[in-house]
Amino acid sequence: MKTKLQVGLNNLLQGAIDLRPGQRVLLVQENPKFGWYDSQLPKALREFAIDQLEAVVEVLEVEEPSNSAHPQLEQMLKQQHWDWIIFLARIGDQDRFEVNHHGPGKLMTYTRTLEQLQSGLGTVPHAAMVALKTAVNDIFDNAENIEITCPFGTQLQGKASSKMGQTAKDVSVVRFPAAVSQPIPASTFSGRVAFRHGLAPTGSKVYSPACLSLPEGIVAVIEQGVISSFEGNDKDIGAVQDHYRQVAEQFNIEPWIVDSWHLGLHPATAFPLDPQVDLDRWSNTMFTSPRYLHFHTCGAYPPGEICGMVEDPTVTLDGAVLWKDGHLMATNFKALAKVAHYWPELNLL
Protein backbone atom coordinates (compact mmCIF):
# COMPACT_ATOMS: atom_id res chain seq x y z
CA MET A 1 0.00 0.00 0.00
CA LYS A 2 1.36 3.42 -0.96
CA THR A 3 2.24 5.93 1.73
CA LYS A 4 0.68 9.39 1.63
CA LEU A 5 4.03 10.76 0.48
CA GLN A 6 4.14 8.32 -2.42
CA VAL A 7 0.57 9.21 -3.35
CA GLY A 8 1.42 12.91 -3.29
CA LEU A 9 4.61 12.51 -5.33
CA ASN A 10 2.88 10.30 -7.88
CA ASN A 11 0.00 12.80 -8.08
CA LEU A 12 2.46 15.63 -8.71
CA LEU A 13 4.78 13.95 -11.20
CA GLN A 14 2.40 11.67 -13.07
CA GLY A 15 -1.05 13.04 -12.33
CA ALA A 16 -0.10 16.62 -13.19
CA ILE A 17 2.53 16.20 -15.93
CA ASP A 18 2.76 12.47 -16.77
CA LEU A 19 6.53 12.38 -16.31
CA ARG A 20 8.01 9.48 -18.28
CA PRO A 21 11.26 7.46 -18.20
CA GLY A 22 14.18 9.25 -19.80
CA GLN A 23 12.59 12.71 -19.73
CA ARG A 24 14.87 15.51 -18.59
CA VAL A 25 13.75 17.64 -15.66
CA LEU A 26 15.24 20.86 -14.36
CA LEU A 27 14.18 21.16 -10.72
CA VAL A 28 14.33 24.80 -9.66
CA GLN A 29 14.24 24.97 -5.88
CA GLU A 30 14.21 28.07 -3.70
CA ASN A 31 16.73 28.37 -0.90
CA PRO A 32 14.83 27.16 2.19
CA LYS A 33 16.33 29.95 4.30
CA PHE A 34 13.58 32.24 2.98
CA GLY A 35 10.93 30.07 4.66
CA TRP A 36 8.64 29.51 1.66
CA TYR A 37 9.77 26.00 0.64
CA ASP A 38 11.28 23.41 2.95
CA SER A 39 14.41 21.38 2.15
CA GLN A 40 12.72 17.97 2.39
CA LEU A 41 10.26 18.34 -0.48
CA PRO A 42 12.77 18.87 -3.33
CA LYS A 43 14.91 16.00 -2.03
CA ALA A 44 11.94 13.61 -1.96
CA LEU A 45 10.73 14.77 -5.37
CA ARG A 46 14.14 14.32 -6.98
CA GLU A 47 14.63 10.83 -5.52
CA PHE A 48 11.15 9.70 -6.59
CA ALA A 49 11.55 11.07 -10.12
CA ILE A 50 14.90 9.30 -10.56
CA ASP A 51 14.31 6.03 -8.68
CA GLN A 52 10.65 5.37 -9.43
CA LEU A 53 10.03 7.14 -12.73
CA GLU A 54 13.53 6.85 -14.25
CA ALA A 55 13.69 10.51 -15.19
CA VAL A 56 16.88 12.54 -15.51
CA VAL A 57 16.88 15.36 -12.96
CA GLU A 58 19.21 18.31 -12.46
CA VAL A 59 18.77 20.78 -9.62
CA LEU A 60 19.20 24.55 -9.64
CA GLU A 61 18.89 26.38 -6.33
CA VAL A 62 17.73 29.98 -6.58
CA GLU A 63 17.33 32.87 -4.19
CA GLU A 64 14.18 34.93 -3.67
CA PRO A 65 12.48 36.54 -6.70
CA SER A 66 13.69 39.73 -8.37
CA ASN A 67 12.42 41.83 -11.28
CA SER A 68 15.03 40.57 -13.74
CA ALA A 69 15.63 37.23 -15.45
CA HIS A 70 17.67 34.66 -13.55
CA PRO A 71 20.97 34.46 -15.51
CA GLN A 72 21.91 30.89 -14.54
CA LEU A 73 18.42 29.60 -15.33
CA GLU A 74 18.43 31.38 -18.69
CA GLN A 75 21.84 29.91 -19.51
CA MET A 76 20.77 26.37 -18.59
CA LEU A 77 17.66 26.68 -20.77
CA LYS A 78 19.79 27.70 -23.75
CA GLN A 79 22.51 25.10 -23.29
CA GLN A 80 20.44 21.97 -22.70
CA HIS A 81 17.17 20.38 -23.75
CA TRP A 82 14.60 19.99 -20.99
CA ASP A 83 11.22 18.31 -21.13
CA TRP A 84 10.01 19.92 -17.91
CA ILE A 85 10.95 22.69 -15.53
CA ILE A 86 9.50 22.02 -12.09
CA PHE A 87 9.41 25.08 -9.85
CA LEU A 88 9.63 24.70 -6.10
CA ALA A 89 10.34 28.41 -6.07
CA ARG A 90 8.37 31.63 -6.27
CA ILE A 91 10.09 32.69 -9.50
CA GLY A 92 7.96 30.11 -11.30
CA ASP A 93 4.89 32.24 -10.57
CA GLN A 94 6.23 35.47 -12.04
CA ASP A 95 5.54 34.76 -15.73
CA ARG A 96 2.49 32.53 -15.33
CA PHE A 97 0.27 34.68 -17.57
CA GLU A 98 2.72 34.99 -20.46
CA VAL A 99 1.40 33.73 -23.81
CA ASN A 100 4.70 32.19 -24.95
CA HIS A 101 4.22 28.43 -24.72
CA HIS A 102 7.44 27.46 -26.51
CA GLY A 103 10.18 25.47 -24.85
CA PRO A 104 9.87 22.95 -22.02
CA GLY A 105 6.68 22.39 -20.06
CA LYS A 106 6.49 24.30 -16.79
CA LEU A 107 5.03 23.05 -13.52
CA MET A 108 4.52 25.47 -10.62
CA THR A 109 4.14 23.70 -7.28
CA TYR A 110 2.11 25.30 -4.49
CA THR A 111 2.58 22.45 -2.02
CA ARG A 112 5.59 24.01 -0.37
CA THR A 113 6.37 21.45 2.30
CA LEU A 114 6.47 17.68 2.63
CA GLU A 115 3.57 17.98 5.07
CA GLN A 116 1.41 19.84 2.54
CA LEU A 117 2.16 17.32 -0.22
CA GLN A 118 1.04 14.47 2.06
CA SER A 119 -2.16 16.30 3.03
CA GLY A 120 -5.37 16.49 1.03
CA LEU A 121 -3.87 19.46 -0.80
CA GLY A 122 -1.37 17.15 -2.49
CA THR A 123 -3.13 13.78 -2.52
CA VAL A 124 -6.57 14.56 -3.97
CA PRO A 125 -6.17 13.36 -7.58
CA HIS A 126 -5.00 16.11 -9.90
CA ALA A 127 -7.56 14.97 -12.49
CA ALA A 128 -10.33 15.50 -9.92
CA MET A 129 -9.24 19.09 -9.30
CA VAL A 130 -8.94 19.75 -13.05
CA ALA A 131 -12.48 18.39 -13.52
CA LEU A 132 -13.75 20.63 -10.73
CA LYS A 133 -11.94 23.67 -12.13
CA THR A 134 -13.29 22.98 -15.63
CA ALA A 135 -16.86 22.63 -14.35
CA VAL A 136 -16.66 25.89 -12.38
CA ASN A 137 -15.16 27.71 -15.38
CA ASP A 138 -17.94 26.41 -17.65
CA ILE A 139 -20.58 27.62 -15.18
CA PHE A 140 -19.05 31.11 -15.24
CA ASP A 141 -18.86 30.96 -19.05
CA ASN A 142 -22.60 30.44 -19.26
CA ALA A 143 -23.59 33.06 -16.69
CA GLU A 144 -25.03 36.47 -17.46
CA ASN A 145 -25.37 38.27 -14.11
CA ILE A 146 -22.90 37.78 -11.25
CA GLU A 147 -23.27 39.10 -7.72
CA ILE A 148 -20.61 38.91 -4.99
CA THR A 149 -21.34 39.56 -1.31
CA CYS A 150 -19.62 38.79 1.99
CA PRO A 151 -20.33 39.25 5.72
CA PHE A 152 -17.98 42.26 5.86
CA GLY A 153 -19.73 44.61 3.45
CA THR A 154 -18.98 43.37 -0.07
CA GLN A 155 -21.79 44.08 -2.55
CA LEU A 156 -20.55 43.83 -6.13
CA GLN A 157 -22.44 43.14 -9.34
CA GLY A 158 -21.41 42.62 -12.93
CA LYS A 159 -22.85 41.68 -16.27
CA ALA A 160 -20.96 38.71 -17.64
CA SER A 161 -20.50 38.55 -21.38
CA SER A 162 -21.15 35.32 -23.27
CA LYS A 163 -18.22 32.89 -22.99
CA MET A 164 -16.35 35.41 -20.87
CA GLY A 165 -13.79 32.78 -19.89
CA GLN A 166 -12.51 32.63 -23.46
CA THR A 167 -11.41 36.24 -23.23
CA ALA A 168 -9.77 35.91 -19.82
CA LYS A 169 -6.15 34.87 -19.63
CA ASP A 170 -5.52 31.72 -17.67
CA VAL A 171 -2.01 30.70 -16.70
CA SER A 172 0.48 29.32 -19.23
CA VAL A 173 2.00 26.82 -16.78
CA VAL A 174 0.64 23.70 -15.11
CA ARG A 175 -0.28 24.46 -11.52
CA PHE A 176 -0.24 21.87 -8.77
CA PRO A 177 -2.70 21.61 -7.27
CA ALA A 178 -5.19 22.92 -9.86
CA ALA A 179 -6.88 24.97 -7.18
CA VAL A 180 -8.23 28.27 -8.55
CA SER A 181 -10.89 29.21 -11.06
CA GLN A 182 -9.99 31.12 -14.22
CA PRO A 183 -9.70 34.92 -13.86
CA ILE A 184 -12.98 36.72 -14.54
CA PRO A 185 -12.59 40.16 -16.20
CA ALA A 186 -13.74 42.90 -13.81
CA SER A 187 -14.49 45.70 -16.30
CA THR A 188 -18.29 45.39 -15.91
CA PHE A 189 -18.32 45.13 -12.10
CA SER A 190 -19.45 47.90 -9.77
CA GLY A 191 -20.12 48.13 -6.04
CA ARG A 192 -18.26 47.81 -2.75
CA VAL A 193 -15.59 45.22 -1.96
CA ALA A 194 -14.28 44.49 1.54
CA PHE A 195 -10.60 43.55 1.39
CA ARG A 196 -9.76 41.63 4.56
CA HIS A 197 -6.52 41.73 6.59
CA GLY A 198 -4.51 43.88 4.16
CA LEU A 199 -3.00 44.14 0.70
CA ALA A 200 -0.33 41.79 -0.64
CA PRO A 201 1.64 41.36 -3.87
CA THR A 202 0.34 39.03 -6.59
CA GLY A 203 3.72 37.40 -7.15
CA SER A 204 4.17 39.11 -10.51
CA LYS A 205 6.82 41.65 -9.53
CA VAL A 206 8.85 42.47 -6.46
CA TYR A 207 8.52 45.70 -4.50
CA SER A 208 9.02 46.97 -0.97
CA PRO A 209 7.18 47.13 1.29
CA ALA A 210 5.49 44.07 -0.19
CA CYS A 211 2.39 44.23 2.00
CA LEU A 212 0.18 46.71 3.75
CA SER A 213 -1.29 45.33 6.94
CA LEU A 214 -4.90 46.37 7.61
CA PRO A 215 -6.17 44.38 10.60
CA GLU A 216 -9.58 46.07 10.37
CA GLY A 217 -9.78 45.64 6.60
CA ILE A 218 -10.68 48.26 3.99
CA VAL A 219 -13.58 48.73 1.59
CA ALA A 220 -12.87 49.60 -2.05
CA VAL A 221 -15.61 51.33 -4.04
CA ILE A 222 -15.45 50.03 -7.63
CA GLU A 223 -17.10 51.53 -10.70
CA GLN A 224 -16.91 49.52 -13.92
CA GLY A 225 -13.68 47.82 -12.90
CA VAL A 226 -11.97 50.94 -11.53
CA ILE A 227 -11.41 51.77 -7.86
CA SER A 228 -12.98 55.19 -7.31
CA SER A 229 -12.48 55.53 -3.54
CA PHE A 230 -11.91 53.70 -0.26
CA GLU A 231 -13.96 53.49 2.91
CA GLY A 232 -12.47 53.00 6.38
CA ASN A 233 -10.64 55.07 8.94
CA ASP A 234 -8.70 58.05 7.61
CA LYS A 235 -5.30 56.60 8.54
CA ASP A 236 -5.92 53.35 6.66
CA ILE A 237 -7.35 55.13 3.62
CA GLY A 238 -4.27 57.34 3.39
CA ALA A 239 -1.94 54.36 3.77
CA VAL A 240 -3.80 52.40 1.06
CA GLN A 241 -3.73 55.30 -1.40
CA ASP A 242 -0.01 55.83 -0.79
CA HIS A 243 0.67 52.11 -1.25
CA TYR A 244 -1.15 51.97 -4.59
CA ARG A 245 0.57 55.11 -5.87
CA GLN A 246 4.01 53.89 -4.83
CA VAL A 247 3.61 50.54 -6.62
CA ALA A 248 2.08 52.16 -9.70
CA GLU A 249 4.87 54.75 -9.98
CA GLN A 250 7.57 52.06 -9.64
CA PHE A 251 6.23 50.11 -12.62
CA ASN A 252 4.57 52.96 -14.56
CA ILE A 253 1.11 51.39 -14.44
CA GLU A 254 -2.43 52.54 -13.74
CA PRO A 255 -3.03 52.16 -9.97
CA TRP A 256 -6.81 51.97 -9.76
CA ILE A 257 -7.60 49.32 -12.37
CA VAL A 258 -9.25 46.09 -11.19
CA ASP A 259 -8.27 43.68 -13.96
CA SER A 260 -9.94 40.47 -12.83
CA TRP A 261 -10.80 38.17 -9.95
CA HIS A 262 -10.92 34.44 -9.20
CA LEU A 263 -11.95 32.02 -6.48
CA GLY A 264 -10.00 29.36 -4.63
CA LEU A 265 -11.17 25.77 -5.14
CA HIS A 266 -9.28 23.55 -2.71
CA PRO A 267 -10.89 23.03 0.74
CA ALA A 268 -7.73 21.32 2.01
CA THR A 269 -5.84 24.64 1.90
CA ALA A 270 -4.60 25.42 5.40
CA PHE A 271 -2.39 28.06 6.96
CA PRO A 272 -2.11 27.92 10.74
CA LEU A 273 -0.74 31.38 11.42
CA ASP A 274 -2.60 34.62 11.89
CA PRO A 275 -2.54 36.68 8.67
CA GLN A 276 -0.68 39.50 10.38
CA VAL A 277 2.26 37.23 11.24
CA ASP A 278 3.29 37.04 7.58
CA LEU A 279 0.70 38.62 5.31
CA ASP A 280 2.60 37.85 2.11
CA ARG A 281 2.91 34.12 2.78
CA TRP A 282 -0.62 33.95 4.15
CA SER A 283 -2.13 35.62 1.07
CA ASN A 284 -0.11 33.52 -1.36
CA THR A 285 -1.19 30.36 0.45
CA MET A 286 -4.87 31.11 1.04
CA PHE A 287 -5.61 32.15 -2.55
CA THR A 288 -6.33 28.47 -3.26
CA SER A 289 -8.93 28.28 -0.47
CA PRO A 290 -12.68 28.47 -1.28
CA ARG A 291 -12.95 30.85 1.67
CA TYR A 292 -11.28 33.61 -0.36
CA LEU A 293 -12.04 35.49 -3.55
CA HIS A 294 -8.88 37.09 -4.89
CA PHE A 295 -8.88 40.44 -6.78
CA HIS A 296 -6.11 41.41 -9.24
CA THR A 297 -5.64 45.18 -8.97
CA CYS A 298 -3.10 47.89 -9.84
CA GLY A 299 -2.29 47.38 -13.51
CA ALA A 300 -4.43 46.68 -16.58
CA TYR A 301 -3.17 43.12 -16.97
CA PRO A 302 -3.40 39.85 -15.06
CA PRO A 303 -2.49 39.42 -12.31
CA GLY A 304 -1.80 43.12 -11.65
CA GLU A 305 0.53 43.92 -8.79
CA ILE A 306 -1.68 44.24 -5.70
CA CYS A 307 -4.15 41.65 -4.49
CA GLY A 308 -7.08 42.18 -2.18
CA MET A 309 -9.01 39.24 -0.76
CA VAL A 310 -12.69 38.87 0.08
CA GLU A 311 -13.30 36.55 3.01
CA ASP A 312 -16.17 34.03 3.03
CA PRO A 313 -17.71 35.21 -0.25
CA THR A 314 -21.17 34.38 -1.54
CA VAL A 315 -21.30 34.31 -5.34
CA THR A 316 -24.65 34.18 -7.13
CA LEU A 317 -24.97 33.50 -10.86
CA ASP A 318 -28.32 34.38 -12.45
CA GLY A 319 -30.02 33.82 -9.09
CA ALA A 320 -28.34 30.48 -8.33
CA VAL A 321 -25.82 30.35 -5.47
CA LEU A 322 -22.45 28.94 -6.55
CA TRP A 323 -20.55 29.95 -3.39
CA LYS A 324 -22.13 30.56 0.01
CA ASP A 325 -20.10 32.00 2.88
CA GLY A 326 -16.87 30.56 1.48
CA HIS A 327 -18.25 27.14 0.55
CA LEU A 328 -18.74 25.78 -2.98
CA MET A 329 -22.37 24.66 -3.35
CA ALA A 330 -21.87 21.61 -5.56
CA THR A 331 -25.45 20.36 -5.28
CA ASN A 332 -26.84 23.59 -6.80
CA PHE A 333 -25.37 22.83 -10.23
CA LYS A 334 -25.73 19.54 -12.11
CA ALA A 335 -22.24 19.79 -13.61
CA LEU A 336 -20.64 20.11 -10.17
CA ALA A 337 -22.76 17.35 -8.68
CA LYS A 338 -21.65 15.10 -11.53
CA VAL A 339 -17.97 15.83 -10.85
CA ALA A 340 -18.42 15.23 -7.12
CA HIS A 341 -20.16 11.92 -7.81
CA TYR A 342 -17.42 10.76 -10.19
CA TRP A 343 -14.62 11.76 -7.80
CA PRO A 344 -15.51 10.63 -4.27
CA GLU A 345 -12.20 12.10 -3.04
CA LEU A 346 -13.76 15.54 -3.49
CA ASN A 347 -16.67 14.62 -1.24
CA LEU A 348 -14.23 13.78 1.54
CA LEU A 349 -13.24 17.47 1.54
Foldseek 3Di string as FASTA:
>chain_A
DDALLVLLLCLQQCLQPNDAAAAEEEEEAEDCVVVQADPPVVVSNVCCCCVPRNYHYDYDYDYADAFDDDVVVVVVQVPDAHQEYEYLYLVLVQQFQDPDLDGHAYEYENQRYSVSSSFLQRNQHLVLLVLLQVLVLVVLLCFAKKWKDAPLGWTKIFGADHRQLVVAGDTSHGYRNSWKHTWGFQQGMFDKAWFAQWKAWPSNHDDPPGIDGDHSTKMFGDDRQFGPAIDDDPVVRVVVVVVLVVVCVVVVFDRGGFGTKMAAHDQRQDDPDDCVVPVHSVVSRCRNALQWIKIQGRHNHPNHTMIGIGGQMWMATPNFTQGGRSRGPQVRDPSSVVSCVVRVSVVVD
